Amino acid sequence: MSRRTRRTLFIVAAVLLLLAVAIFLRSKAPPEAARLLPESDGIIYINLKAIRTLSHKDFKPPDRVPEYQQFIDAIGIDPEHDIDQVAIALHRMPDPNGPNGPVAYSMVLVGKITGQKLNAWLDSHATSRETYVGHTIYNITSQDRTVRVAQIGYDMVAVSNTPTAEQIHSMLDRHRAAALPFAGSSLLEQHYHDVPLLSLAWGVGQIGLPFSESGSIHVFGLALPLEPDATIVASVAPALPVPGSLGAVRFKVEEIAPSQDKATSQAADLATLVTLVRGLAQPLGESPANDAFKELLKTAEVTQHGERVVVTATVSASTLGGL
């Protein structure tokens, strides 16, 4: 083998190695939609396309009021079929009684969501416009708030209702650096590694904020022994991975408590609450929603690992398929 041939083979091998490393790093990186989000108190991400694919079914559209149906027709987007990914940043507001309430949001939507109809709707409803780094930001007034919308790619839209334009500017800035696999907010940097692999949906940070009421988190009308500003890592992932299908879904919620003693106390309180609700749910009649709720409670387990309190539960795909 000649020296030139060896050099060529070495270059090809080096390139292939670099590509393999790049692909590996990209697989470990947060989804691009989440990486575009600005600094925030919490992040929620849902991979709707993966859920539709694994469940082999489309989402059933909810009963739509005429006004909402007119909006869907006007923008030319069917959310249940056209949106593939949703990434939401939660921003705690200093004045919970202000126009944004206790929490404002910034979000990135990915899917078949751009086109002439959306452009026409934005153009006709915008009270003002701003051009930033080559993108048009449409400012739309809604319930005493300004909702800012910008199309940042052929399949991507950014939306924010924060009091200032800082957050949507940040998303547009991050879009220019989106090729960097580990770019993103400090919250992603700190906690994305805690998200289980292959999660279909997940949340990190203070994701209890939207459910906070009177200083506590409420779910289904129940007050949980968790603080609204608690750092939580929640996820929904396939429990029995079968290629091309979904056998069961595993729900996991992990709270990072301020101390091990606090974690011990909260784990005990959560275990008691699960036992209580499990008993209260038994008399519920048979229905797809009630069956899923009962199975979730039946499999729920509360454990503690140092300063972390972990709640897990599993629901079969057949039960979920009835919803």
Protein backbone atom coordinates (compact mmCIF):
# COMPACT_ATOMS: atom_id res chain seq x y z
CA MET A 1 0.00 0.00 0.00
CA SER A 2 1.41 3.34 -1.03
CA ARG A 3 1.96 6.23 1.32
CA ARG A 4 -0.69 8.27 -0.52
CA THR A 5 -3.24 5.50 -0.16
CA ARG A 6 -2.50 5.16 3.56
CA ARG A 7 -2.89 8.92 3.99
CA THR A 8 -6.24 8.87 2.18
CA LEU A 9 -7.49 5.98 4.32
CA PHE A 10 -6.35 7.79 7.46
CA ILE A 11 -8.23 10.94 6.46
CA VAL A 12 -11.40 8.97 5.66
CA ALA A 13 -11.16 7.11 8.99
CA ALA A 14 -10.66 10.37 10.88
CA VAL A 15 -13.68 11.94 9.19
CA LEU A 16 -15.85 8.91 9.95
CA LEU A 17 -14.70 8.96 13.57
CA LEU A 18 -15.56 12.66 13.89
CA LEU A 19 -18.98 12.03 12.37
CA ALA A 20 -19.59 9.15 14.79
CA VAL A 21 -18.60 11.35 17.74
CA ALA A 22 -20.86 14.16 16.47
CA ILE A 23 -23.81 11.76 16.10
CA PHE A 24 -23.19 10.35 19.59
CA LEU A 25 -23.03 13.80 21.15
CA ARG A 26 -26.16 14.87 19.31
CA SER A 27 -28.02 11.80 20.65
CA LYS A 28 -27.10 12.82 24.21
CA ALA A 29 -28.07 16.47 23.69
CA PRO A 30 -31.45 17.96 24.57
CA PRO A 31 -33.90 18.32 21.66
CA GLU A 32 -33.32 21.44 19.58
CA ALA A 33 -36.71 22.87 20.52
CA ALA A 34 -35.71 22.75 24.21
CA ARG A 35 -32.25 24.17 23.51
CA LEU A 36 -33.84 27.25 21.95
CA LEU A 37 -35.76 28.15 25.11
CA PRO A 38 -34.55 31.15 27.15
CA GLU A 39 -33.48 31.12 30.79
CA SER A 40 -36.45 30.08 32.89
CA ASP A 41 -37.65 28.54 36.15
CA GLY A 42 -38.98 25.37 34.54
CA ILE A 43 -39.05 23.53 31.21
CA ILE A 44 -41.63 21.10 29.83
CA TYR A 45 -41.06 19.10 26.62
CA ILE A 46 -43.44 16.75 24.75
CA ASN A 47 -42.53 14.69 21.69
CA LEU A 48 -45.99 14.34 20.15
CA LYS A 49 -44.72 12.73 16.96
CA ALA A 50 -43.02 9.91 18.88
CA ILE A 51 -46.15 9.35 20.97
CA ARG A 52 -48.32 9.12 17.84
CA THR A 53 -45.85 6.76 16.18
CA LEU A 54 -45.44 4.39 19.14
CA SER A 55 -49.13 4.31 20.00
CA HIS A 56 -50.09 3.79 16.33
CA LYS A 57 -52.92 6.28 16.65
CA ASP A 58 -53.71 9.91 16.08
CA PHE A 59 -54.87 12.08 18.94
CA LYS A 60 -58.60 12.47 19.10
CA PRO A 61 -59.44 16.14 18.56
CA PRO A 62 -61.38 17.65 21.44
CA ASP A 63 -64.83 19.07 20.99
CA ARG A 64 -64.08 22.50 19.60
CA VAL A 65 -66.14 25.59 20.21
CA PRO A 66 -66.96 27.45 16.99
CA GLU A 67 -64.53 30.30 17.74
CA TYR A 68 -61.62 27.90 18.20
CA GLN A 69 -62.53 25.98 15.04
CA GLN A 70 -62.57 29.25 13.11
CA PHE A 71 -59.09 30.02 14.44
CA ILE A 72 -57.83 26.57 13.37
CA ASP A 73 -59.29 27.04 9.90
CA ALA A 74 -57.80 30.53 9.62
CA ILE A 75 -54.22 29.54 10.45
CA GLY A 76 -54.33 26.26 8.50
CA ILE A 77 -52.90 24.18 11.36
CA ASP A 78 -54.49 21.14 12.98
CA PRO A 79 -52.73 20.92 16.38
CA GLU A 80 -53.57 17.25 16.97
CA HIS A 81 -51.91 16.19 13.71
CA ASP A 82 -49.52 18.95 12.65
CA ILE A 83 -47.58 19.73 15.85
CA ASP A 84 -44.72 17.25 16.41
CA GLN A 85 -42.88 18.78 19.37
CA VAL A 86 -43.69 21.31 22.08
CA ALA A 87 -41.08 22.87 24.37
CA ILE A 88 -42.27 25.32 27.03
CA ALA A 89 -40.27 27.54 29.37
CA LEU A 90 -42.02 28.68 32.57
CA HIS A 91 -41.19 32.11 33.99
CA ARG A 92 -42.22 33.02 37.54
CA MET A 93 -43.75 36.50 37.64
CA PRO A 94 -42.86 38.88 40.50
CA ASP A 95 -46.49 40.00 40.71
CA PRO A 96 -48.86 36.99 40.65
CA ASN A 97 -51.81 39.37 40.33
CA GLY A 98 -50.42 41.05 37.23
CA PRO A 99 -51.68 40.47 33.66
CA ASN A 100 -49.48 37.38 33.26
CA GLY A 101 -50.63 35.82 36.51
CA PRO A 102 -48.08 33.85 38.54
CA VAL A 103 -46.41 32.30 35.48
CA ALA A 104 -45.57 33.50 31.97
CA TYR A 105 -44.36 31.22 29.22
CA SER A 106 -42.10 31.00 26.22
CA MET A 107 -42.49 28.11 23.82
CA VAL A 108 -41.17 26.54 20.65
CA LEU A 109 -43.51 24.55 18.42
CA VAL A 110 -42.18 22.17 15.76
CA GLY A 111 -44.12 20.53 12.93
CA LYS A 112 -46.17 21.40 9.88
CA ILE A 113 -47.02 24.78 11.32
CA THR A 114 -45.81 27.39 8.86
CA GLY A 115 -47.44 28.63 5.70
CA GLN A 116 -49.31 31.40 3.97
CA LYS A 117 -52.45 31.06 6.12
CA LEU A 118 -50.48 31.54 9.34
CA ASN A 119 -48.58 34.45 7.84
CA ALA A 120 -51.82 36.11 6.77
CA TRP A 121 -53.40 35.60 10.21
CA LEU A 122 -50.38 37.01 12.03
CA ASP A 123 -50.19 39.96 9.70
CA SER A 124 -53.87 40.81 10.15
CA HIS A 125 -53.92 40.44 13.95
CA ALA A 126 -50.60 42.03 14.90
CA THR A 127 -50.89 45.39 16.65
CA SER A 128 -47.21 46.03 15.92
CA ARG A 129 -44.15 44.32 14.45
CA GLU A 130 -40.46 44.17 15.16
CA THR A 131 -37.58 42.94 13.04
CA TYR A 132 -34.86 41.17 15.00
CA VAL A 133 -31.86 39.30 13.52
CA GLY A 134 -33.67 38.91 10.24
CA HIS A 135 -36.96 37.62 11.71
CA THR A 136 -40.29 39.39 12.02
CA ILE A 137 -41.80 39.35 15.50
CA TYR A 138 -45.57 39.83 15.51
CA ASN A 139 -46.96 41.49 18.66
CA ILE A 140 -50.55 40.43 19.32
CA THR A 141 -52.64 41.80 22.19
CA SER A 142 -54.48 39.14 24.22
CA GLN A 143 -56.18 39.70 27.58
CA ASP A 144 -54.07 42.75 28.53
CA ARG A 145 -50.88 40.89 27.55
CA THR A 146 -48.67 41.02 24.51
CA VAL A 147 -48.10 37.66 22.85
CA ARG A 148 -45.04 37.69 20.58
CA VAL A 149 -44.84 35.24 17.68
CA ALA A 150 -41.96 34.64 15.28
CA GLN A 151 -41.37 31.98 12.64
CA ILE A 152 -37.79 30.85 13.15
CA GLY A 153 -37.59 28.03 10.63
CA TYR A 154 -39.56 26.27 7.94
CA ASP A 155 -41.10 24.01 10.61
CA MET A 156 -40.62 26.02 13.80
CA VAL A 157 -42.46 28.85 15.57
CA ALA A 158 -41.48 30.70 18.76
CA VAL A 159 -44.13 32.21 21.05
CA SER A 160 -43.78 34.20 24.29
CA ASN A 161 -46.16 36.19 26.49
CA THR A 162 -43.53 37.56 28.87
CA PRO A 163 -43.74 41.28 29.74
CA THR A 164 -40.71 42.18 27.61
CA ALA A 165 -39.26 40.95 24.31
CA GLU A 166 -36.08 39.70 26.00
CA GLN A 167 -37.18 36.05 25.97
CA ILE A 168 -38.19 35.84 22.31
CA HIS A 169 -35.00 37.70 21.37
CA SER A 170 -33.08 35.04 23.28
CA MET A 171 -34.82 32.25 21.34
CA LEU A 172 -33.93 33.87 18.03
CA ASP A 173 -30.34 34.31 19.18
CA ARG A 174 -30.14 30.67 20.26
CA HIS A 175 -31.50 29.57 16.88
CA ARG A 176 -28.37 30.96 15.23
CA ALA A 177 -26.26 28.72 17.50
CA ALA A 178 -28.58 25.70 17.39
CA ALA A 179 -25.97 23.54 15.65
CA LEU A 180 -24.09 23.33 18.96
CA PRO A 181 -25.49 20.12 20.53
CA PHE A 182 -25.13 21.23 24.14
CA ALA A 183 -26.19 24.86 23.75
CA GLY A 184 -29.16 25.85 25.88
CA SER A 185 -30.23 27.35 29.16
CA SER A 186 -28.49 26.78 32.47
CA LEU A 187 -31.49 24.73 33.62
CA LEU A 188 -30.94 22.22 30.81
CA GLU A 189 -27.23 22.10 31.58
CA GLN A 190 -27.92 21.33 35.24
CA HIS A 191 -30.70 18.76 34.96
CA TYR A 192 -31.16 17.31 31.47
CA HIS A 193 -28.79 14.46 32.37
CA ASP A 194 -31.38 13.43 34.99
CA VAL A 195 -34.03 12.85 32.30
CA PRO A 196 -34.35 9.11 31.49
CA LEU A 197 -33.24 8.04 28.02
CA LEU A 198 -35.98 7.79 25.35
CA SER A 199 -38.45 9.89 27.36
CA LEU A 200 -41.51 10.87 25.33
CA ALA A 201 -42.22 13.83 27.60
CA TRP A 202 -40.31 15.41 30.45
CA GLY A 203 -40.06 18.43 32.67
CA VAL A 204 -37.22 19.90 34.74
CA GLY A 205 -36.99 22.72 37.27
CA GLN A 206 -39.92 24.40 38.97
CA ILE A 207 -42.52 22.70 36.77
CA GLY A 208 -45.06 22.73 39.60
CA LEU A 209 -45.56 26.48 39.12
CA PRO A 210 -48.67 26.22 36.88
CA PHE A 211 -50.32 23.98 39.49
CA SER A 212 -49.45 26.12 42.51
CA GLU A 213 -52.27 27.49 44.60
CA SER A 214 -52.07 29.10 48.03
CA GLY A 215 -48.43 28.14 48.43
CA SER A 216 -48.77 24.47 47.46
CA ILE A 217 -49.05 22.30 44.35
CA HIS A 218 -52.52 20.98 43.52
CA VAL A 219 -53.16 18.07 41.12
CA PHE A 220 -56.71 16.74 40.60
CA GLY A 221 -57.79 18.93 43.51
CA LEU A 222 -55.28 17.37 45.91
CA ALA A 223 -52.56 19.36 47.65
CA LEU A 224 -49.20 17.59 47.27
CA PRO A 225 -46.54 17.79 50.00
CA LEU A 226 -44.24 19.65 47.60
CA GLU A 227 -43.31 23.30 47.39
CA PRO A 228 -44.18 25.15 44.14
CA ASP A 229 -40.52 26.17 43.77
CA ALA A 230 -39.22 22.65 44.36
CA THR A 231 -36.76 21.37 41.76
CA ILE A 232 -38.48 18.47 40.01
CA VAL A 233 -37.49 16.11 37.20
CA ALA A 234 -40.55 14.41 35.71
CA SER A 235 -40.69 12.06 32.75
CA VAL A 236 -42.88 9.74 30.71
CA ALA A 237 -41.01 6.95 28.93
CA PRO A 238 -41.67 3.50 27.42
CA ALA A 239 -41.44 0.95 30.23
CA LEU A 240 -41.18 -2.12 28.00
CA PRO A 241 -39.34 -1.00 24.88
CA VAL A 242 -40.48 -3.01 21.88
CA PRO A 243 -39.26 -1.86 18.46
CA GLY A 244 -42.00 0.08 16.74
CA SER A 245 -44.60 -0.30 19.49
CA LEU A 246 -45.44 0.77 23.00
CA GLY A 247 -45.94 -1.95 25.62
CA ALA A 248 -46.36 0.22 28.71
CA VAL A 249 -45.61 3.73 29.88
CA ARG A 250 -43.56 4.54 32.95
CA PHE A 251 -44.20 7.78 34.82
CA LYS A 252 -41.45 9.11 37.06
CA VAL A 253 -41.37 12.21 39.24
CA GLU A 254 -38.19 13.02 41.15
CA GLU A 255 -37.95 15.89 43.61
CA ILE A 256 -34.59 17.23 44.75
CA ALA A 257 -35.23 18.22 48.36
CA PRO A 258 -33.15 20.82 50.23
CA SER A 259 -31.91 18.18 52.69
CA GLN A 260 -32.05 14.46 53.39
CA ASP A 261 -34.28 15.01 56.43
CA LYS A 262 -36.71 17.00 54.30
CA ALA A 263 -36.67 14.23 51.69
CA THR A 264 -37.47 11.63 54.35
CA SER A 265 -40.44 13.66 55.58
CA GLN A 266 -41.81 14.31 52.10
CA ALA A 267 -41.38 10.67 51.04
CA ALA A 268 -43.45 9.58 54.04
CA ASP A 269 -46.13 12.17 53.31
CA LEU A 270 -46.30 11.18 49.63
CA ALA A 271 -46.54 7.48 50.47
CA THR A 272 -49.42 8.21 52.84
CA LEU A 273 -51.15 10.32 50.21
CA VAL A 274 -50.81 7.59 47.56
CA THR A 275 -52.31 5.02 49.94
CA LEU A 276 -55.18 7.36 50.79
CA VAL A 277 -56.02 8.21 47.18
CA ARG A 278 -55.69 4.55 46.17
CA GLY A 279 -58.47 3.70 48.61
CA LEU A 280 -60.65 6.61 47.56
CA ALA A 281 -60.33 5.63 43.89
CA GLN A 282 -61.59 2.06 44.34
CA PRO A 283 -65.33 2.93 44.24
CA LEU A 284 -64.92 4.81 40.95
CA GLY A 285 -66.95 3.31 38.12
CA GLU A 286 -65.42 1.73 35.05
CA SER A 287 -64.36 4.12 32.33
CA PRO A 288 -61.16 4.54 30.29
CA ALA A 289 -60.05 7.51 32.40
CA ASN A 290 -60.90 5.84 35.73
CA ASP A 291 -59.20 2.58 34.69
CA ALA A 292 -55.99 4.44 33.80
CA PHE A 293 -56.12 6.40 37.07
CA LYS A 294 -56.59 3.22 39.14
CA GLU A 295 -53.76 1.41 37.36
CA LEU A 296 -51.51 4.41 37.89
CA LEU A 297 -52.26 4.39 41.63
CA LYS A 298 -51.95 0.60 41.91
CA THR A 299 -48.41 0.60 40.53
CA ALA A 300 -47.28 3.81 42.25
CA GLU A 301 -44.19 3.50 44.43
CA VAL A 302 -42.46 6.13 46.57
CA THR A 303 -38.76 5.76 47.33
CA GLN A 304 -36.02 7.97 48.72
CA HIS A 305 -32.42 8.18 47.59
CA GLY A 306 -30.53 10.65 49.75
CA GLU A 307 -31.97 14.11 49.07
CA ARG A 308 -34.15 12.83 46.24
CA VAL A 309 -37.75 11.62 46.53
CA VAL A 310 -38.83 9.43 43.60
CA VAL A 311 -42.38 8.46 42.64
CA THR A 312 -42.83 5.91 39.83
CA ALA A 313 -45.89 4.29 38.28
CA THR A 314 -46.65 2.25 35.17
CA VAL A 315 -49.71 2.10 32.94
CA SER A 316 -50.15 -0.43 30.13
CA ALA A 317 -50.51 0.80 26.57
CA SER A 318 -53.80 -1.09 26.26
CA THR A 319 -55.26 0.90 29.16
CA LEU A 320 -54.02 4.17 27.73
CA GLY A 321 -55.34 3.20 24.31
CA GLY A 322 -58.86 3.33 25.66
CA LEU A 323 -58.61 7.03 26.50
